[in-house]
């Protein structure tokens, strides 16, 4: 057990936590900002994925295109697959290759 837990268990006052374990208002606000910017992109991708699973490929592509243009590796990868297979669009191996290369450069492991 840590020193502060032993002190509390023995009836003493809790000492202050080490500074690196304390949340500061700035760290808390930074975390909230990061979480708020990740949410919409993730939900947009999920909406596109649900449309894809339902066979609404054009709707999925419309949802993924802005994300892919902004560098979302998942959206880039899935657009590459849509063009590669010709789902909801004409099969285009050149566009598929371009999107799959972008996904690989953005860090998508399957691309």
N, C-alpha and C. Protein backbone atom coordinates (compact mmCIF):
# COMPACT_ATOMS: atom_id res chain seq x y z
N UNK A 1 0.83 -1.18 0.00
CA UNK A 1 0.00 0.00 0.00
C UNK A 1 0.87 1.24 0.00
N UNK A 2 0.31 2.27 -0.60
CA UNK A 2 1.04 3.53 -0.62
C UNK A 2 1.03 4.21 0.73
N UNK A 3 1.95 5.12 0.91
CA UNK A 3 2.08 5.83 2.18
C UNK A 3 0.81 6.56 2.55
N UNK A 4 0.17 7.20 1.60
CA UNK A 4 -1.03 7.97 1.93
C UNK A 4 -2.19 7.06 2.29
N UNK A 5 -2.27 5.85 1.72
CA UNK A 5 -3.33 4.91 2.08
C UNK A 5 -3.10 4.39 3.49
N UNK A 6 -1.85 4.02 3.82
CA UNK A 6 -1.55 3.53 5.18
C UNK A 6 -1.88 4.58 6.21
N UNK A 7 -1.57 5.82 5.92
CA UNK A 7 -1.85 6.90 6.86
C UNK A 7 -3.35 7.05 7.07
N UNK A 8 -4.11 6.94 6.02
CA UNK A 8 -5.56 7.08 6.13
C UNK A 8 -6.17 5.91 6.89
N UNK A 9 -5.71 4.67 6.60
CA UNK A 9 -6.21 3.48 7.28
C UNK A 9 -5.93 3.54 8.77
N UNK A 10 -4.78 4.06 9.16
CA UNK A 10 -4.42 4.12 10.59
C UNK A 10 -5.09 5.29 11.30
N UNK A 11 -5.96 6.00 10.63
CA UNK A 11 -6.72 7.08 11.27
C UNK A 11 -6.11 8.45 11.12
N UNK A 12 -5.03 8.56 10.41
CA UNK A 12 -4.39 9.85 10.22
C UNK A 12 -5.04 10.63 9.09
N UNK A 13 -4.64 11.83 8.93
CA UNK A 13 -5.13 12.66 7.82
C UNK A 13 -4.43 12.23 6.54
N UNK A 14 -5.15 12.34 5.46
CA UNK A 14 -4.56 12.00 4.17
C UNK A 14 -3.55 13.06 3.76
N UNK A 15 -2.32 12.65 3.47
CA UNK A 15 -1.37 13.63 2.94
C UNK A 15 -1.75 13.97 1.51
N UNK A 16 -1.24 15.07 1.02
CA UNK A 16 -1.51 15.45 -0.37
C UNK A 16 -0.89 14.45 -1.31
N UNK A 17 -1.60 14.21 -2.41
CA UNK A 17 -1.05 13.33 -3.43
C UNK A 17 0.13 14.03 -4.09
N UNK A 18 1.05 13.24 -4.62
CA UNK A 18 2.16 13.87 -5.35
C UNK A 18 1.63 14.75 -6.48
N UNK A 19 2.34 15.79 -6.78
CA UNK A 19 1.88 16.78 -7.76
C UNK A 19 1.55 16.15 -9.11
N UNK A 20 2.32 15.16 -9.56
CA UNK A 20 2.06 14.57 -10.87
C UNK A 20 0.77 13.75 -10.90
N UNK A 21 0.18 13.48 -9.74
CA UNK A 21 -1.08 12.74 -9.71
C UNK A 21 -2.29 13.65 -9.53
N UNK A 22 -2.06 14.93 -9.39
CA UNK A 22 -3.15 15.88 -9.20
C UNK A 22 -3.61 16.42 -10.55
N UNK A 23 -4.93 16.52 -10.71
CA UNK A 23 -5.46 17.12 -11.92
C UNK A 23 -5.44 18.62 -11.77
N UNK A 24 -5.01 19.28 -12.79
CA UNK A 24 -5.05 20.73 -12.79
C UNK A 24 -6.19 21.16 -13.70
N UNK A 25 -6.75 22.34 -13.50
CA UNK A 25 -7.84 22.78 -14.37
C UNK A 25 -7.43 22.82 -15.84
N UNK A 26 -6.20 23.16 -16.13
CA UNK A 26 -5.75 23.23 -17.52
C UNK A 26 -5.73 21.83 -18.13
N UNK A 27 -5.22 20.83 -17.40
CA UNK A 27 -5.19 19.46 -17.92
C UNK A 27 -6.60 18.94 -18.12
N UNK A 28 -7.49 19.27 -17.21
CA UNK A 28 -8.87 18.82 -17.33
C UNK A 28 -9.54 19.45 -18.56
N UNK A 29 -9.32 20.74 -18.79
CA UNK A 29 -9.91 21.40 -19.96
C UNK A 29 -9.30 20.85 -21.25
N UNK A 30 -8.02 20.57 -21.25
CA UNK A 30 -7.39 20.02 -22.45
C UNK A 30 -7.98 18.66 -22.78
N UNK A 31 -8.18 17.84 -21.77
CA UNK A 31 -8.80 16.54 -21.99
C UNK A 31 -10.20 16.64 -22.53
N UNK A 32 -10.96 17.60 -22.04
CA UNK A 32 -12.32 17.80 -22.51
C UNK A 32 -12.32 18.27 -23.96
N UNK A 33 -11.38 19.11 -24.33
CA UNK A 33 -11.30 19.59 -25.71
C UNK A 33 -10.96 18.45 -26.66
N UNK A 34 -10.02 17.61 -26.27
CA UNK A 34 -9.64 16.48 -27.11
C UNK A 34 -10.81 15.54 -27.28
N UNK A 35 -11.50 15.24 -26.20
CA UNK A 35 -12.64 14.33 -26.27
C UNK A 35 -13.76 14.91 -27.11
N UNK A 36 -13.98 16.22 -27.04
CA UNK A 36 -15.08 16.80 -27.80
C UNK A 36 -14.78 16.84 -29.30
N UNK A 37 -13.51 16.92 -29.68
CA UNK A 37 -13.20 16.92 -31.11
C UNK A 37 -13.17 15.52 -31.68
N UNK A 38 -12.91 14.51 -30.88
CA UNK A 38 -12.87 13.14 -31.38
C UNK A 38 -14.27 12.58 -31.55
N UNK A 39 -15.22 13.04 -30.78
CA UNK A 39 -16.57 12.49 -30.79
C UNK A 39 -17.29 12.60 -32.12
N UNK A 40 -17.42 13.79 -32.69
CA UNK A 40 -18.17 13.90 -33.93
C UNK A 40 -17.57 13.10 -35.08
N UNK A 41 -16.26 13.10 -35.21
CA UNK A 41 -15.64 12.33 -36.29
C UNK A 41 -15.90 10.84 -36.11
N UNK A 42 -15.81 10.36 -34.87
CA UNK A 42 -16.05 8.95 -34.62
C UNK A 42 -17.50 8.60 -34.91
N UNK A 43 -18.43 9.48 -34.52
CA UNK A 43 -19.84 9.17 -34.77
C UNK A 43 -20.17 9.28 -36.26
N UNK A 44 -19.52 10.19 -36.98
CA UNK A 44 -19.72 10.28 -38.43
C UNK A 44 -19.22 9.01 -39.12
N UNK A 45 -18.08 8.51 -38.67
CA UNK A 45 -17.57 7.29 -39.26
C UNK A 45 -18.52 6.13 -38.97
N UNK A 46 -19.00 6.05 -37.74
CA UNK A 46 -19.91 4.96 -37.38
C UNK A 46 -21.22 5.03 -38.18
N UNK A 47 -21.72 6.24 -38.40
CA UNK A 47 -22.94 6.40 -39.21
C UNK A 47 -22.69 5.90 -40.63
N UNK A 48 -21.53 6.22 -41.18
CA UNK A 48 -21.17 5.72 -42.51
C UNK A 48 -21.03 4.21 -42.53
N UNK A 49 -20.49 3.66 -41.45
CA UNK A 49 -20.30 2.21 -41.39
C UNK A 49 -21.65 1.49 -41.30
N UNK A 50 -22.59 2.07 -40.54
CA UNK A 50 -23.93 1.46 -40.47
C UNK A 50 -24.62 1.51 -41.83
N UNK A 51 -24.45 2.61 -42.55
CA UNK A 51 -25.02 2.71 -43.90
C UNK A 51 -24.37 1.67 -44.81
N UNK A 52 -23.06 1.50 -44.68
CA UNK A 52 -22.34 0.50 -45.48
C UNK A 52 -22.88 -0.90 -45.21
N UNK A 53 -23.05 -1.23 -43.93
CA UNK A 53 -23.55 -2.56 -43.57
C UNK A 53 -24.97 -2.80 -44.09
N UNK A 54 -25.75 -1.72 -44.20
CA UNK A 54 -27.12 -1.83 -44.69
C UNK A 54 -27.19 -1.83 -46.22
N UNK A 55 -26.04 -1.71 -46.87
CA UNK A 55 -26.02 -1.72 -48.33
C UNK A 55 -26.26 -0.36 -48.96
N UNK A 56 -26.25 0.70 -48.15
CA UNK A 56 -26.42 2.06 -48.66
C UNK A 56 -25.02 2.65 -48.87
N UNK A 57 -24.36 2.18 -49.92
CA UNK A 57 -22.96 2.51 -50.15
C UNK A 57 -22.74 3.98 -50.50
N UNK A 58 -23.65 4.56 -51.28
CA UNK A 58 -23.49 5.98 -51.64
C UNK A 58 -23.58 6.85 -50.39
N UNK A 59 -24.49 6.51 -49.48
CA UNK A 59 -24.61 7.26 -48.23
C UNK A 59 -23.34 7.10 -47.38
N UNK A 60 -22.80 5.89 -47.34
CA UNK A 60 -21.56 5.65 -46.60
C UNK A 60 -20.42 6.48 -47.18
N UNK A 61 -20.32 6.50 -48.50
CA UNK A 61 -19.27 7.27 -49.15
C UNK A 61 -19.41 8.76 -48.87
N UNK A 62 -20.65 9.26 -48.88
CA UNK A 62 -20.89 10.68 -48.59
C UNK A 62 -20.46 11.02 -47.16
N UNK A 63 -20.65 10.08 -46.24
CA UNK A 63 -20.25 10.33 -44.86
C UNK A 63 -18.76 10.22 -44.64
N UNK A 64 -18.14 9.30 -45.35
CA UNK A 64 -16.70 9.08 -45.16
C UNK A 64 -15.82 10.06 -45.92
N UNK A 65 -16.31 10.60 -47.01
CA UNK A 65 -15.46 11.46 -47.86
C UNK A 65 -14.88 12.66 -47.12
N UNK A 66 -15.70 13.44 -46.38
CA UNK A 66 -15.10 14.58 -45.65
C UNK A 66 -14.08 14.13 -44.60
N UNK A 67 -14.35 13.01 -43.95
CA UNK A 67 -13.41 12.50 -42.96
C UNK A 67 -12.11 12.07 -43.63
N UNK A 68 -12.23 11.40 -44.76
CA UNK A 68 -11.05 10.95 -45.50
C UNK A 68 -10.23 12.14 -45.98
N UNK A 69 -10.90 13.18 -46.45
CA UNK A 69 -10.21 14.38 -46.90
C UNK A 69 -9.47 15.06 -45.74
N UNK A 70 -10.00 14.89 -44.52
CA UNK A 70 -9.36 15.46 -43.33
C UNK A 70 -8.29 14.55 -42.74
N UNK A 71 -8.04 13.38 -43.37
CA UNK A 71 -6.95 12.52 -42.93
C UNK A 71 -7.35 11.35 -42.05
N UNK A 72 -8.64 11.04 -41.94
CA UNK A 72 -9.08 9.90 -41.13
C UNK A 72 -8.71 8.61 -41.86
N UNK A 73 -7.80 7.83 -41.27
CA UNK A 73 -7.28 6.62 -41.92
C UNK A 73 -8.37 5.57 -42.12
N UNK A 74 -9.30 5.45 -41.17
CA UNK A 74 -10.37 4.46 -41.33
C UNK A 74 -11.26 4.80 -42.51
N UNK A 75 -11.60 6.07 -42.65
CA UNK A 75 -12.45 6.50 -43.76
C UNK A 75 -11.72 6.32 -45.09
N UNK A 76 -10.44 6.65 -45.12
CA UNK A 76 -9.65 6.47 -46.33
C UNK A 76 -9.60 5.00 -46.74
N UNK A 77 -9.39 4.13 -45.77
CA UNK A 77 -9.31 2.70 -46.04
C UNK A 77 -10.64 2.17 -46.59
N UNK A 78 -11.73 2.55 -45.95
CA UNK A 78 -13.03 2.05 -46.39
C UNK A 78 -13.43 2.61 -47.75
N UNK A 79 -13.09 3.86 -48.02
CA UNK A 79 -13.33 4.39 -49.37
C UNK A 79 -12.53 3.60 -50.40
N UNK A 80 -11.29 3.26 -50.07
CA UNK A 80 -10.49 2.44 -50.97
C UNK A 80 -11.14 1.10 -51.26
N UNK A 81 -11.70 0.48 -50.24
CA UNK A 81 -12.38 -0.80 -50.43
C UNK A 81 -13.63 -0.66 -51.29
N UNK A 82 -14.38 0.42 -51.06
CA UNK A 82 -15.60 0.65 -51.85
C UNK A 82 -15.25 0.79 -53.33
N UNK A 83 -14.22 1.57 -53.63
CA UNK A 83 -13.81 1.73 -55.03
C UNK A 83 -13.20 0.45 -55.59
N UNK A 84 -12.48 -0.28 -54.77
CA UNK A 84 -11.87 -1.52 -55.23
C UNK A 84 -12.92 -2.56 -55.62
N UNK A 85 -13.99 -2.64 -54.83
CA UNK A 85 -15.04 -3.62 -55.09
C UNK A 85 -16.16 -3.08 -55.98
N UNK A 86 -16.19 -1.77 -56.19
CA UNK A 86 -17.25 -1.18 -57.00
C UNK A 86 -18.60 -1.23 -56.31
N UNK A 87 -18.62 -0.96 -55.03
CA UNK A 87 -19.86 -1.00 -54.25
C UNK A 87 -20.54 0.37 -54.28
N UNK A 88 -21.67 0.47 -54.95
CA UNK A 88 -22.39 1.74 -55.03
C UNK A 88 -21.79 2.72 -56.01
N UNK A 89 -20.78 2.31 -56.71
CA UNK A 89 -20.10 3.15 -57.69
C UNK A 89 -19.44 2.22 -58.71
N UNK A 90 -18.90 2.79 -59.75
CA UNK A 90 -18.18 1.94 -60.70
C UNK A 90 -16.84 1.54 -60.10
N UNK A 91 -16.39 0.38 -60.41
CA UNK A 91 -15.11 -0.11 -59.90
C UNK A 91 -13.99 0.75 -60.47
N UNK A 92 -13.15 1.26 -59.61
CA UNK A 92 -12.08 2.16 -60.03
C UNK A 92 -10.81 1.82 -59.25
N UNK A 93 -9.96 1.03 -59.85
CA UNK A 93 -8.76 0.58 -59.14
C UNK A 93 -7.76 1.72 -58.89
N UNK A 94 -7.78 2.74 -59.74
CA UNK A 94 -6.87 3.87 -59.53
C UNK A 94 -7.27 4.67 -58.29
N UNK A 95 -8.57 4.95 -58.15
CA UNK A 95 -9.04 5.65 -56.95
C UNK A 95 -8.85 4.78 -55.72
N UNK A 96 -9.12 3.48 -55.86
CA UNK A 96 -8.95 2.56 -54.73
C UNK A 96 -7.50 2.59 -54.26
N UNK A 97 -6.58 2.51 -55.19
CA UNK A 97 -5.16 2.53 -54.83
C UNK A 97 -4.78 3.84 -54.15
N UNK A 98 -5.29 4.96 -54.67
CA UNK A 98 -4.98 6.26 -54.08
C UNK A 98 -5.47 6.34 -52.63
N UNK A 99 -6.71 5.91 -52.37
CA UNK A 99 -7.25 5.97 -51.01
C UNK A 99 -6.54 4.99 -50.09
N UNK A 100 -6.23 3.81 -50.59
CA UNK A 100 -5.54 2.83 -49.75
C UNK A 100 -4.12 3.29 -49.41
N UNK A 101 -3.44 3.96 -50.34
CA UNK A 101 -2.12 4.51 -50.06
C UNK A 101 -2.21 5.60 -48.99
N UNK A 102 -3.22 6.47 -49.12
CA UNK A 102 -3.41 7.52 -48.11
C UNK A 102 -3.67 6.91 -46.75
N UNK A 103 -4.49 5.84 -46.71
CA UNK A 103 -4.78 5.18 -45.43
C UNK A 103 -3.50 4.59 -44.83
N UNK A 104 -2.68 3.99 -45.66
CA UNK A 104 -1.41 3.43 -45.17
C UNK A 104 -0.50 4.52 -44.64
N UNK A 105 -0.43 5.65 -45.34
CA UNK A 105 0.40 6.77 -44.90
C UNK A 105 -0.15 7.39 -43.62
N UNK A 106 -1.47 7.27 -43.41
CA UNK A 106 -2.08 7.81 -42.19
C UNK A 106 -2.01 6.82 -41.03
N UNK A 107 -1.44 5.65 -41.29
CA UNK A 107 -1.21 4.70 -40.20
C UNK A 107 -2.22 3.57 -40.08
N UNK A 108 -3.06 3.35 -41.08
CA UNK A 108 -4.01 2.23 -41.00
C UNK A 108 -3.24 0.94 -41.23
N UNK A 109 -3.34 0.02 -40.27
CA UNK A 109 -2.52 -1.19 -40.31
C UNK A 109 -2.93 -2.16 -41.40
N UNK A 110 -4.20 -2.20 -41.79
CA UNK A 110 -4.64 -3.16 -42.80
C UNK A 110 -4.38 -2.67 -44.22
N UNK A 111 -4.14 -1.37 -44.38
CA UNK A 111 -3.91 -0.82 -45.72
C UNK A 111 -2.51 -1.17 -46.12
